[in-house]
Amino acid sequence: MTTLRRFTRYAVLVLLALVFLTPLLWMAITSVKTYGDAQKIPPSFVPQPFSTYGYEQILGNTSNPVLRWFVNSMLAATLHALLVLVTASMAAYALARLRFRGRAVSFALIVGTLFIPPTSLIIPNFVIADRLGWLDTLTVVIVPGAASAFGVFFLRQFFLSIPAELEEAAVLDGANHWQIFTQVLLPLSKPALATLAVLSFLTNWNDFLWPIYVLFSPERLTLPAGLGLLQGAYVSDYPVIMAGAVLASVPVLILFVAAQRHIIQGVSRSGLKG
């Protein structure tokens, strides 16, 4: 690769990085401005002066318990991701490795559910949650959706990329299906499992519509639903709104940076065969 081509490639990458990072930087900068500084036209890129006003407002306001919303979202997203890993990995193993009548039809039906608009299921899911007594509890944002059709499809593709000879060797050693699943396939599937865990966590963390319908008490709201109320309370108070957005973004960014290597491996290997 010539020096000019290398320079051009890095210049394009830097430009793309700036395009994606600028909104995040602007959000963080606005969150540490004063109310008056955030209203200036034209806006200033550097806070004048630096202020923690936005964070003081959201963290010290008892009518909008942002920290409680944050804890609720962390708990709900983490437990939801764990449930998705359990259900999707078991179903994917059965569909990828076991031979049974109707396997292809079952897989087609599971994948077919991906084409159903989620909003069309809100009313029946609401009725089911009501009859189970889950409304206005964190259970209602953790359990529904734990049977992930995408997770089954994603892990099945990854399991198919693992050589069958490894399982045959385990069978010769006397291993049963459960031992093959837990001691052979799952250890080899860490990149795919990490990728699915991150995607499931983000899906639940960013969910806004479903929590709005099923959570009623202010102290039981998740962060996206709570920030919607916060934006209604502080329509033009940009430091407060951006401080809430920063609080919602930090766990997502940390999770992505920590799992970046596994995500790349999982996505690249899951499409090798299937």
C-alpha atoms as a PDB file:
ATOM      1  CA  MET A   1       0.000   0.000   0.000  1.00  0.00           C
ATOM      2  CA  THR A   2       1.430   3.357  -1.040  1.00  0.00           C
ATOM      3  CA  THR A   3       1.827   6.257   1.363  1.00  0.00           C
ATOM      4  CA  LEU A   4      -0.852   8.279  -0.448  1.00  0.00           C
ATOM      5  CA  ARG A   5      -3.419   5.472  -0.250  1.00  0.00           C
ATOM      6  CA  ARG A   6      -2.641   4.898   3.417  1.00  0.00           C
ATOM      7  CA  PHE A   7      -2.986   8.613   4.158  1.00  0.00           C
ATOM      8  CA  THR A   8      -6.292   8.777   2.262  1.00  0.00           C
ATOM      9  CA  ARG A   9      -7.677   5.767   4.120  1.00  0.00           C
ATOM     10  CA  TYR A  10      -6.771   7.177   7.530  1.00  0.00           C
ATOM     11  CA  ALA A  11      -8.130  10.599   6.579  1.00  0.00           C
ATOM     12  CA  VAL A  12     -11.478   9.061   5.626  1.00  0.00           C
ATOM     13  CA  LEU A  13     -11.559   7.047   8.873  1.00  0.00           C
ATOM     14  CA  VAL A  14     -10.794  10.146  10.948  1.00  0.00           C
ATOM     15  CA  LEU A  15     -13.512  12.082   9.126  1.00  0.00           C
ATOM     16  CA  LEU A  16     -16.075   9.321   9.752  1.00  0.00           C
ATOM     17  CA  ALA A  17     -15.039   9.164  13.415  1.00  0.00           C
ATOM     18  CA  LEU A  18     -15.605  12.910  13.758  1.00  0.00           C
ATOM     19  CA  VAL A  19     -19.033  12.618  12.124  1.00  0.00           C
ATOM     20  CA  PHE A  20     -20.123   9.968  14.630  1.00  0.00           C
ATOM     21  CA  LEU A  21     -18.406  11.474  17.681  1.00  0.00           C
ATOM     22  CA  THR A  22     -19.486  15.098  17.217  1.00  0.00           C
ATOM     23  CA  PRO A  23     -23.068  14.565  18.487  1.00  0.00           C
ATOM     24  CA  LEU A  24     -21.721  12.758  21.559  1.00  0.00           C
ATOM     25  CA  LEU A  25     -19.203  15.517  22.241  1.00  0.00           C
ATOM     26  CA  TRP A  26     -21.852  18.190  21.792  1.00  0.00           C
ATOM     27  CA  MET A  27     -24.166  16.340  24.181  1.00  0.00           C
ATOM     28  CA  ALA A  28     -21.426  16.105  26.825  1.00  0.00           C
ATOM     29  CA  ILE A  29     -20.402  19.740  26.396  1.00  0.00           C
ATOM     30  CA  THR A  30     -23.969  21.033  26.616  1.00  0.00           C
ATOM     31  CA  SER A  31     -24.521  19.041  29.809  1.00  0.00           C
ATOM     32  CA  VAL A  32     -21.832  21.106  31.591  1.00  0.00           C
ATOM     33  CA  LYS A  33     -23.091  24.510  30.446  1.00  0.00           C
ATOM     34  CA  THR A  34     -25.225  26.951  32.361  1.00  0.00           C
ATOM     35  CA  TYR A  35     -28.825  27.505  31.327  1.00  0.00           C
ATOM     36  CA  GLY A  36     -27.983  30.875  29.756  1.00  0.00           C
ATOM     37  CA  ASP A  37     -24.890  29.612  27.943  1.00  0.00           C
ATOM     38  CA  ALA A  38     -26.864  26.749  26.390  1.00  0.00           C
ATOM     39  CA  GLN A  39     -29.402  29.243  24.983  1.00  0.00           C
ATOM     40  CA  LYS A  40     -26.839  31.420  23.194  1.00  0.00           C
ATOM     41  CA  ILE A  41     -27.058  31.927  19.442  1.00  0.00           C
ATOM     42  CA  PRO A  42     -24.670  31.155  17.863  1.00  0.00           C
ATOM     43  CA  PRO A  43     -23.828  28.396  20.329  1.00  0.00           C
ATOM     44  CA  SER A  44     -20.346  28.187  21.814  1.00  0.00           C
ATOM     45  CA  PHE A  45     -18.381  24.963  21.670  1.00  0.00           C
ATOM     46  CA  VAL A  46     -16.551  25.657  24.948  1.00  0.00           C
ATOM     47  CA  PRO A  47     -18.663  26.057  28.124  1.00  0.00           C
ATOM     48  CA  GLN A  48     -18.503  29.616  29.467  1.00  0.00           C
ATOM     49  CA  PRO A  49     -18.354  28.947  32.352  1.00  0.00           C
ATOM     50  CA  PHE A  50     -18.144  25.258  33.192  1.00  0.00           C
ATOM     51  CA  SER A  51     -21.171  24.278  35.277  1.00  0.00           C
ATOM     52  CA  THR A  52     -22.648  21.198  36.933  1.00  0.00           C
ATOM     53  CA  TYR A  53     -26.099  22.777  36.933  1.00  0.00           C
ATOM     54  CA  GLY A  54     -27.679  20.097  34.719  1.00  0.00           C
ATOM     55  CA  TYR A  55     -26.421  17.206  36.843  1.00  0.00           C
ATOM     56  CA  GLU A  56     -27.436  18.927  40.068  1.00  0.00           C
ATOM     57  CA  GLN A  57     -30.958  19.354  38.732  1.00  0.00           C
ATOM     58  CA  ILE A  58     -31.510  15.733  37.682  1.00  0.00           C
ATOM     59  CA  LEU A  59     -29.690  14.116  40.612  1.00  0.00           C
ATOM     60  CA  GLY A  60     -31.154  16.343  43.284  1.00  0.00           C
ATOM     61  CA  ASN A  61     -34.757  16.402  42.081  1.00  0.00           C
ATOM     62  CA  THR A  62     -36.900  14.069  44.222  1.00  0.00           C
ATOM     63  CA  SER A  63     -39.881  14.310  41.864  1.00  0.00           C
ATOM     64  CA  ASN A  64     -37.748  12.832  39.055  1.00  0.00           C
ATOM     65  CA  PRO A  65     -35.641  10.044  40.669  1.00  0.00           C
ATOM     66  CA  VAL A  66     -33.137   9.680  37.839  1.00  0.00           C
ATOM     67  CA  LEU A  67     -30.754   7.486  39.828  1.00  0.00           C
ATOM     68  CA  ARG A  68     -33.617   5.117  40.627  1.00  0.00           C
ATOM     69  CA  TRP A  69     -34.504   4.999  36.930  1.00  0.00           C
ATOM     70  CA  PHE A  70     -30.855   4.265  36.155  1.00  0.00           C
ATOM     71  CA  VAL A  71     -30.749   1.348  38.613  1.00  0.00           C
ATOM     72  CA  ASN A  72     -34.060   0.008  37.261  1.00  0.00           C
ATOM     73  CA  SER A  73     -32.733   0.087  33.706  1.00  0.00           C
ATOM     74  CA  MET A  74     -29.455  -1.589  34.672  1.00  0.00           C
ATOM     75  CA  LEU A  75     -31.275  -4.364  36.517  1.00  0.00           C
ATOM     76  CA  ALA A  76     -33.873  -4.892  33.799  1.00  0.00           C
ATOM     77  CA  ALA A  77     -31.395  -4.841  30.899  1.00  0.00           C
ATOM     78  CA  THR A  78     -28.919  -7.155  32.625  1.00  0.00           C
ATOM     79  CA  LEU A  79     -31.500  -9.767  33.629  1.00  0.00           C
ATOM     80  CA  HIS A  80     -33.157  -9.552  30.207  1.00  0.00           C
ATOM     81  CA  ALA A  81     -29.829 -10.173  28.458  1.00  0.00           C
ATOM     82  CA  LEU A  82     -29.141 -13.197  30.674  1.00  0.00           C
ATOM     83  CA  LEU A  83     -32.580 -14.655  29.931  1.00  0.00           C
ATOM     84  CA  VAL A  84     -32.052 -14.146  26.192  1.00  0.00           C
ATOM     85  CA  LEU A  85     -28.724 -15.989  26.364  1.00  0.00           C
ATOM     86  CA  VAL A  86     -30.301 -18.958  28.158  1.00  0.00           C
ATOM     87  CA  THR A  87     -33.358 -19.353  25.933  1.00  0.00           C
ATOM     88  CA  ALA A  88     -31.674 -18.505  22.623  1.00  0.00           C
ATOM     89  CA  SER A  89     -28.633 -20.735  23.178  1.00  0.00           C
ATOM     90  CA  MET A  90     -30.750 -23.782  24.044  1.00  0.00           C
ATOM     91  CA  ALA A  91     -33.101 -23.300  21.107  1.00  0.00           C
ATOM     92  CA  ALA A  92     -30.224 -22.597  18.719  1.00  0.00           C
ATOM     93  CA  TYR A  93     -28.394 -25.756  19.777  1.00  0.00           C
ATOM     94  CA  ALA A  94     -31.491 -27.866  19.165  1.00  0.00           C
ATOM     95  CA  LEU A  95     -32.064 -26.336  15.748  1.00  0.00           C
ATOM     96  CA  ALA A  96     -28.392 -26.523  14.719  1.00  0.00           C
ATOM     97  CA  ARG A  97     -27.343 -29.951  16.027  1.00  0.00           C
ATOM     98  CA  LEU A  98     -30.317 -32.135  16.921  1.00  0.00           C
ATOM     99  CA  ARG A  99     -32.263 -34.095  14.313  1.00  0.00           C
ATOM    100  CA  PHE A 100     -36.010 -34.146  14.854  1.00  0.00           C
ATOM    101  CA  ARG A 101     -39.168 -34.004  12.749  1.00  0.00           C
ATOM    102  CA  GLY A 102     -40.287 -30.475  11.939  1.00  0.00           C
ATOM    103  CA  ARG A 103     -36.921 -28.837  12.663  1.00  0.00           C
ATOM    104  CA  ALA A 104     -36.879 -26.830   9.438  1.00  0.00           C
ATOM    105  CA  VAL A 105     -40.489 -25.717   9.892  1.00  0.00           C
ATOM    106  CA  SER A 106     -39.809 -24.688  13.490  1.00  0.00           C
ATOM    107  CA  PHE A 107     -36.816 -22.620  12.441  1.00  0.00           C
ATOM    108  CA  ALA A 108     -38.799 -20.991   9.624  1.00  0.00           C
ATOM    109  CA  LEU A 109     -41.609 -20.053  12.023  1.00  0.00           C
ATOM    110  CA  ILE A 110     -39.135 -18.560  14.509  1.00  0.00           C
ATOM    111  CA  VAL A 111     -37.427 -16.495  11.832  1.00  0.00           C
ATOM    112  CA  GLY A 112     -40.840 -15.505  10.453  1.00  0.00           C
ATOM    113  CA  THR A 113     -41.707 -13.788  13.725  1.00  0.00           C
ATOM    114  CA  LEU A 114     -38.961 -11.252  12.968  1.00  0.00           C
ATOM    115  CA  PHE A 115     -41.233  -9.795  10.300  1.00  0.00           C
ATOM    116  CA  ILE A 116     -44.068  -9.079  12.745  1.00  0.00           C
ATOM    117  CA  PRO A 117     -44.080  -5.383  13.768  1.00  0.00           C
ATOM    118  CA  PRO A 118     -43.481  -5.198  17.549  1.00  0.00           C
ATOM    119  CA  THR A 119     -46.092  -2.451  17.938  1.00  0.00           C
ATOM    120  CA  SER A 120     -48.814  -4.841  16.735  1.00  0.00           C
ATOM    121  CA  LEU A 121     -48.164  -7.039  19.794  1.00  0.00           C
ATOM    122  CA  ILE A 122     -48.435  -4.325  22.430  1.00  0.00           C
ATOM    123  CA  ILE A 123     -52.137  -4.883  23.224  1.00  0.00           C
ATOM    124  CA  PRO A 124     -52.040  -8.725  23.487  1.00  0.00           C
ATOM    125  CA  ASN A 125     -48.804  -8.540  25.496  1.00  0.00           C
ATOM    126  CA  PHE A 126     -50.380  -5.935  27.770  1.00  0.00           C
ATOM    127  CA  VAL A 127     -53.399  -8.189  28.385  1.00  0.00           C
ATOM    128  CA  ILE A 128     -51.141 -11.164  29.160  1.00  0.00           C
ATOM    129  CA  ALA A 129     -48.984  -9.100  31.535  1.00  0.00           C
ATOM    130  CA  ASP A 130     -52.109  -7.802  33.260  1.00  0.00           C
ATOM    131  CA  ARG A 131     -53.483 -11.311  33.830  1.00  0.00           C
ATOM    132  CA  LEU A 132     -50.113 -12.448  35.181  1.00  0.00           C
ATOM    133  CA  GLY A 133     -50.049  -9.505  37.604  1.00  0.00           C
ATOM    134  CA  TRP A 134     -46.813  -8.117  36.165  1.00  0.00           C
ATOM    135  CA  LEU A 135     -47.966  -4.575  35.393  1.00  0.00           C
ATOM    136  CA  ASP A 136     -45.988  -1.824  37.136  1.00  0.00           C
ATOM    137  CA  THR A 137     -43.178  -4.221  38.070  1.00  0.00           C
ATOM    138  CA  LEU A 138     -39.726  -4.709  36.573  1.00  0.00           C
ATOM    139  CA  THR A 139     -40.733  -8.251  35.603  1.00  0.00           C
ATOM    140  CA  VAL A 140     -42.880  -6.835  32.823  1.00  0.00           C
ATOM    141  CA  VAL A 141     -39.854  -5.257  31.119  1.00  0.00           C
ATOM    142  CA  ILE A 142     -37.523  -8.206  31.767  1.00  0.00           C
ATOM    143  CA  VAL A 143     -39.399 -11.371  30.780  1.00  0.00           C
ATOM    144  CA  PRO A 144     -41.378 -10.389  27.631  1.00  0.00           C
ATOM    145  CA  GLY A 145     -39.028 -10.560  24.682  1.00  0.00           C
ATOM    146  CA  ALA A 146     -36.626 -12.952  26.433  1.00  0.00           C
ATOM    147  CA  ALA A 147     -37.452 -15.600  23.815  1.00  0.00           C
ATOM    148  CA  SER A 148     -35.511 -13.768  21.121  1.00  0.00           C
ATOM    149  CA  ALA A 149     -36.055 -14.948  17.549  1.00  0.00           C
ATOM    150  CA  PHE A 150     -33.021 -12.960  16.423  1.00  0.00           C
ATOM    151  CA  GLY A 151     -30.942 -14.550  19.184  1.00  0.00           C
ATOM    152  CA  VAL A 152     -31.963 -18.023  18.059  1.00  0.00           C
ATOM    153  CA  PHE A 153     -31.131 -17.234  14.433  1.00  0.00           C
ATOM    154  CA  PHE A 154     -27.807 -15.567  15.338  1.00  0.00           C
ATOM    155  CA  LEU A 155     -26.558 -18.355  17.619  1.00  0.00           C
ATOM    156  CA  ARG A 156     -27.750 -21.094  15.274  1.00  0.00           C
ATOM    157  CA  GLN A 157     -25.600 -19.643  12.503  1.00  0.00           C
ATOM    158  CA  PHE A 158     -22.637 -19.520  14.865  1.00  0.00           C
ATOM    159  CA  PHE A 159     -23.147 -23.100  16.093  1.00  0.00           C
ATOM    160  CA  LEU A 160     -23.243 -24.315  12.494  1.00  0.00           C
ATOM    161  CA  SER A 161     -19.791 -22.792  11.933  1.00  0.00           C
ATOM    162  CA  ILE A 162     -18.263 -24.962  14.693  1.00  0.00           C
ATOM    163  CA  PRO A 163     -16.800 -28.227  13.293  1.00  0.00           C
ATOM    164  CA  ALA A 164     -19.007 -31.228  14.014  1.00  0.00           C
ATOM    165  CA  GLU A 165     -15.880 -33.325  14.625  1.00  0.00           C
ATOM    166  CA  LEU A 166     -15.543 -31.723  18.059  1.00  0.00           C
ATOM    167  CA  GLU A 167     -18.937 -33.051  19.063  1.00  0.00           C
ATOM    168  CA  GLU A 168     -18.186 -36.476  17.595  1.00  0.00           C
ATOM    169  CA  ALA A 169     -15.043 -36.645  19.715  1.00  0.00           C
ATOM    170  CA  ALA A 170     -17.060 -35.694  22.797  1.00  0.00           C
ATOM    171  CA  VAL A 171     -19.614 -38.429  22.016  1.00  0.00           C
ATOM    172  CA  LEU A 172     -16.805 -40.996  21.772  1.00  0.00           C
ATOM    173  CA  ASP A 173     -15.705 -39.849  25.239  1.00  0.00           C
ATOM    174  CA  GLY A 174     -19.204 -40.594  26.543  1.00  0.00           C
ATOM    175  CA  ALA A 175     -20.640 -37.072  26.628  1.00  0.00           C
ATOM    176  CA  ASN A 176     -24.402 -36.564  26.342  1.00  0.00           C
ATOM    177  CA  HIS A 177     -26.171 -33.673  24.595  1.00  0.00           C
ATOM    178  CA  TRP A 178     -26.199 -31.475  27.704  1.00  0.00           C
ATOM    179  CA  GLN A 179     -22.474 -31.970  28.256  1.00  0.00           C
ATOM    180  CA  ILE A 180     -21.735 -31.258  24.597  1.00  0.00           C
ATOM    181  CA  PHE A 181     -23.827 -28.102  24.801  1.00  0.00           C
ATOM    182  CA  THR A 182     -22.359 -26.761  28.052  1.00  0.00           C
ATOM    183  CA  GLN A 183     -18.775 -28.015  27.813  1.00  0.00           C
ATOM    184  CA  VAL A 184     -18.033 -27.922  24.084  1.00  0.00           C
ATOM    185  CA  LEU A 185     -20.263 -25.485  22.195  1.00  0.00           C
ATOM    186  CA  LEU A 186     -20.781 -22.737  24.787  1.00  0.00           C
ATOM    187  CA  PRO A 187     -17.057 -22.275  25.599  1.00  0.00           C
ATOM    188  CA  LEU A 188     -16.342 -21.995  21.876  1.00  0.00           C
ATOM    189  CA  SER A 189     -19.200 -19.535  21.407  1.00  0.00           C
ATOM    190  CA  LYS A 190     -18.039 -16.774  23.758  1.00  0.00           C
ATOM    191  CA  PRO A 191     -17.761 -14.154  20.944  1.00  0.00           C
ATOM    192  CA  ALA A 192     -21.312 -14.856  19.736  1.00  0.00           C
ATOM    193  CA  LEU A 193     -22.698 -14.962  23.271  1.00  0.00           C
ATOM    194  CA  ALA A 194     -20.999 -11.669  24.127  1.00  0.00           C
ATOM    195  CA  THR A 195     -22.370 -10.084  20.963  1.00  0.00           C
ATOM    196  CA  LEU A 196     -25.907 -11.269  21.666  1.00  0.00           C
ATOM    197  CA  ALA A 197     -25.646 -10.156  25.295  1.00  0.00           C
ATOM    198  CA  VAL A 198     -24.626  -6.646  24.233  1.00  0.00           C
ATOM    199  CA  LEU A 199     -27.366  -6.403  21.607  1.00  0.00           C
ATOM    200  CA  SER A 200     -30.018  -7.693  24.031  1.00  0.00           C
ATOM    201  CA  PHE A 201     -28.820  -5.306  26.747  1.00  0.00           C
ATOM    202  CA  LEU A 202     -28.988  -2.347  24.364  1.00  0.00           C
ATOM    203  CA  THR A 203     -32.429  -3.330  23.071  1.00  0.00           C
ATOM    204  CA  ASN A 204     -33.855  -3.441  26.577  1.00  0.00           C
ATOM    205  CA  TRP A 205     -31.903  -0.389  27.758  1.00  0.00           C
ATOM    206  CA  ASN A 206     -33.178   1.772  24.891  1.00  0.00           C
ATOM    207  CA  ASP A 207     -36.766   0.486  24.959  1.00  0.00           C
ATOM    208  CA  PHE A 208     -39.142   3.403  25.401  1.00  0.00           C
ATOM    209  CA  LEU A 209     -42.590   2.432  24.118  1.00  0.00           C
ATOM    210  CA  TRP A 210     -43.241  -0.745  26.146  1.00  0.00           C
ATOM    211  CA  PRO A 211     -42.192   0.679  29.576  1.00  0.00           C
ATOM    212  CA  ILE A 212     -44.381   3.732  28.985  1.00  0.00           C
ATOM    213  CA  TYR A 213     -47.414   1.442  28.617  1.00  0.00           C
ATOM    214  CA  VAL A 214     -46.771  -0.964  31.487  1.00  0.00           C
ATOM    215  CA  LEU A 215     -44.984   1.076  34.186  1.00  0.00           C
ATOM    216  CA  PHE A 216     -47.095   3.610  36.051  1.00  0.00           C
ATOM    217  CA  SER A 217     -45.283   4.540  39.278  1.00  0.00           C
ATOM    218  CA  PRO A 218     -42.510   7.167  38.936  1.00  0.00           C
ATOM    219  CA  GLU A 219     -40.105   5.125  41.072  1.00  0.00           C
ATOM    220  CA  ARG A 220     -40.514   2.042  38.846  1.00  0.00           C
ATOM    221  CA  LEU A 221     -39.797   3.713  35.504  1.00  0.00           C
ATOM    222  CA  THR A 222     -36.778   2.795  33.443  1.00  0.00           C
ATOM    223  CA  LEU A 223     -34.362   5.477  32.280  1.00  0.00           C
ATOM    224  CA  PRO A 224     -35.657   6.032  28.700  1.00  0.00           C
ATOM    225  CA  ALA A 225     -39.250   6.326  29.906  1.00  0.00           C
ATOM    226  CA  GLY A 226     -38.189   8.576  32.771  1.00  0.00           C
ATOM    227  CA  LEU A 227     -36.121  10.818  30.517  1.00  0.00           C
ATOM    228  CA  GLY A 228     -39.221  11.284  28.384  1.00  0.00           C
ATOM    229  CA  LEU A 229     -40.928  12.775  31.433  1.00  0.00           C
ATOM    230  CA  LEU A 230     -37.812  14.786  32.204  1.00  0.00           C
ATOM    231  CA  GLN A 231     -37.863  16.307  28.753  1.00  0.00           C
ATOM    232  CA  GLY A 232     -41.490  17.245  29.285  1.00  0.00           C
ATOM    233  CA  ALA A 233     -40.614  18.933  32.575  1.00  0.00           C
ATOM    234  CA  TYR A 234     -37.592  20.761  31.163  1.00  0.00           C
ATOM    235  CA  VAL A 235     -38.633  21.499  27.596  1.00  0.00           C
ATOM    236  CA  SER A 236     -35.930  24.079  26.850  1.00  0.00           C
ATOM    237  CA  ASP A 237     -33.523  23.393  29.712  1.00  0.00           C
ATOM    238  CA  TYR A 238     -30.882  21.805  27.498  1.00  0.00           C
ATOM    239  CA  PRO A 239     -28.207  21.246  30.193  1.00  0.00           C
ATOM    240  CA  VAL A 240     -30.655  19.158  32.219  1.00  0.00           C
ATOM    241  CA  ILE A 241     -31.847  17.168  29.196  1.00  0.00           C
ATOM    242  CA  MET A 242     -28.296  16.545  27.975  1.00  0.00           C
ATOM    243  CA  ALA A 243     -27.131  15.553  31.460  1.00  0.00           C
ATOM    244  CA  GLY A 244     -29.819  12.870  31.475  1.00  0.00           C
ATOM    245  CA  ALA A 245     -28.746  11.736  28.008  1.00  0.00           C
ATOM    246  CA  VAL A 246     -25.111  11.490  29.158  1.00  0.00           C
ATOM    247  CA  LEU A 247     -26.171   9.373  32.115  1.00  0.00           C
ATOM    248  CA  ALA A 248     -28.052   7.062  29.747  1.00  0.00           C
ATOM    249  CA  SER A 249     -25.128   6.838  27.304  1.00  0.00           C
ATOM    250  CA  VAL A 250     -22.267   6.047  29.685  1.00  0.00           C
ATOM    251  CA  PRO A 251     -23.142   2.359  30.394  1.00  0.00           C
ATOM    252  CA  VAL A 252     -23.753   1.732  26.703  1.00  0.00           C
ATOM    253  CA  LEU A 253     -20.378   3.169  25.691  1.00  0.00           C
ATOM    254  CA  ILE A 254     -18.533   1.276  28.435  1.00  0.00           C
ATOM    255  CA  LEU A 255     -20.247  -1.981  27.454  1.00  0.00           C
ATOM    256  CA  PHE A 256     -19.443  -1.528  23.776  1.00  0.00           C
ATOM    257  CA  VAL A 257     -15.768  -0.693  24.409  1.00  0.00           C
ATOM    258  CA  ALA A 258     -15.379  -3.658  26.757  1.00  0.00           C
ATOM    259  CA  ALA A 259     -17.011  -6.131  24.364  1.00  0.00           C
ATOM    260  CA  GLN A 260     -15.827  -4.658  21.058  1.00  0.00           C
ATOM    261  CA  ARG A 261     -13.381  -7.461  20.270  1.00  0.00           C
ATOM    262  CA  HIS A 262     -15.956 -10.178  20.980  1.00  0.00           C
ATOM    263  CA  ILE A 263     -18.599  -8.369  18.922  1.00  0.00           C
ATOM    264  CA  ILE A 264     -16.348  -8.265  15.853  1.00  0.00           C
ATOM    265  CA  GLN A 265     -15.457 -11.959  16.215  1.00  0.00           C
ATOM    266  CA  GLY A 266     -19.069 -12.964  16.789  1.00  0.00           C
ATOM    267  CA  VAL A 267     -20.465 -11.087  13.809  1.00  0.00           C
ATOM    268  CA  SER A 268     -17.688 -12.262  11.461  1.00  0.00           C
ATOM    269  CA  ARG A 269     -17.999 -15.937  12.410  1.00  0.00           C
ATOM    270  CA  SER A 270     -21.779 -16.188  12.619  1.00  0.00           C
ATOM    271  CA  GLY A 271     -22.134 -15.896   8.838  1.00  0.00           C
ATOM    272  CA  LEU A 272     -19.547 -18.450   7.797  1.00  0.00           C
ATOM    273  CA  LYS A 273     -22.023 -21.279   7.335  1.00  0.00           C
ATOM    274  CA  GLY A 274     -25.740 -21.894   7.432  1.00  0.00           C
END
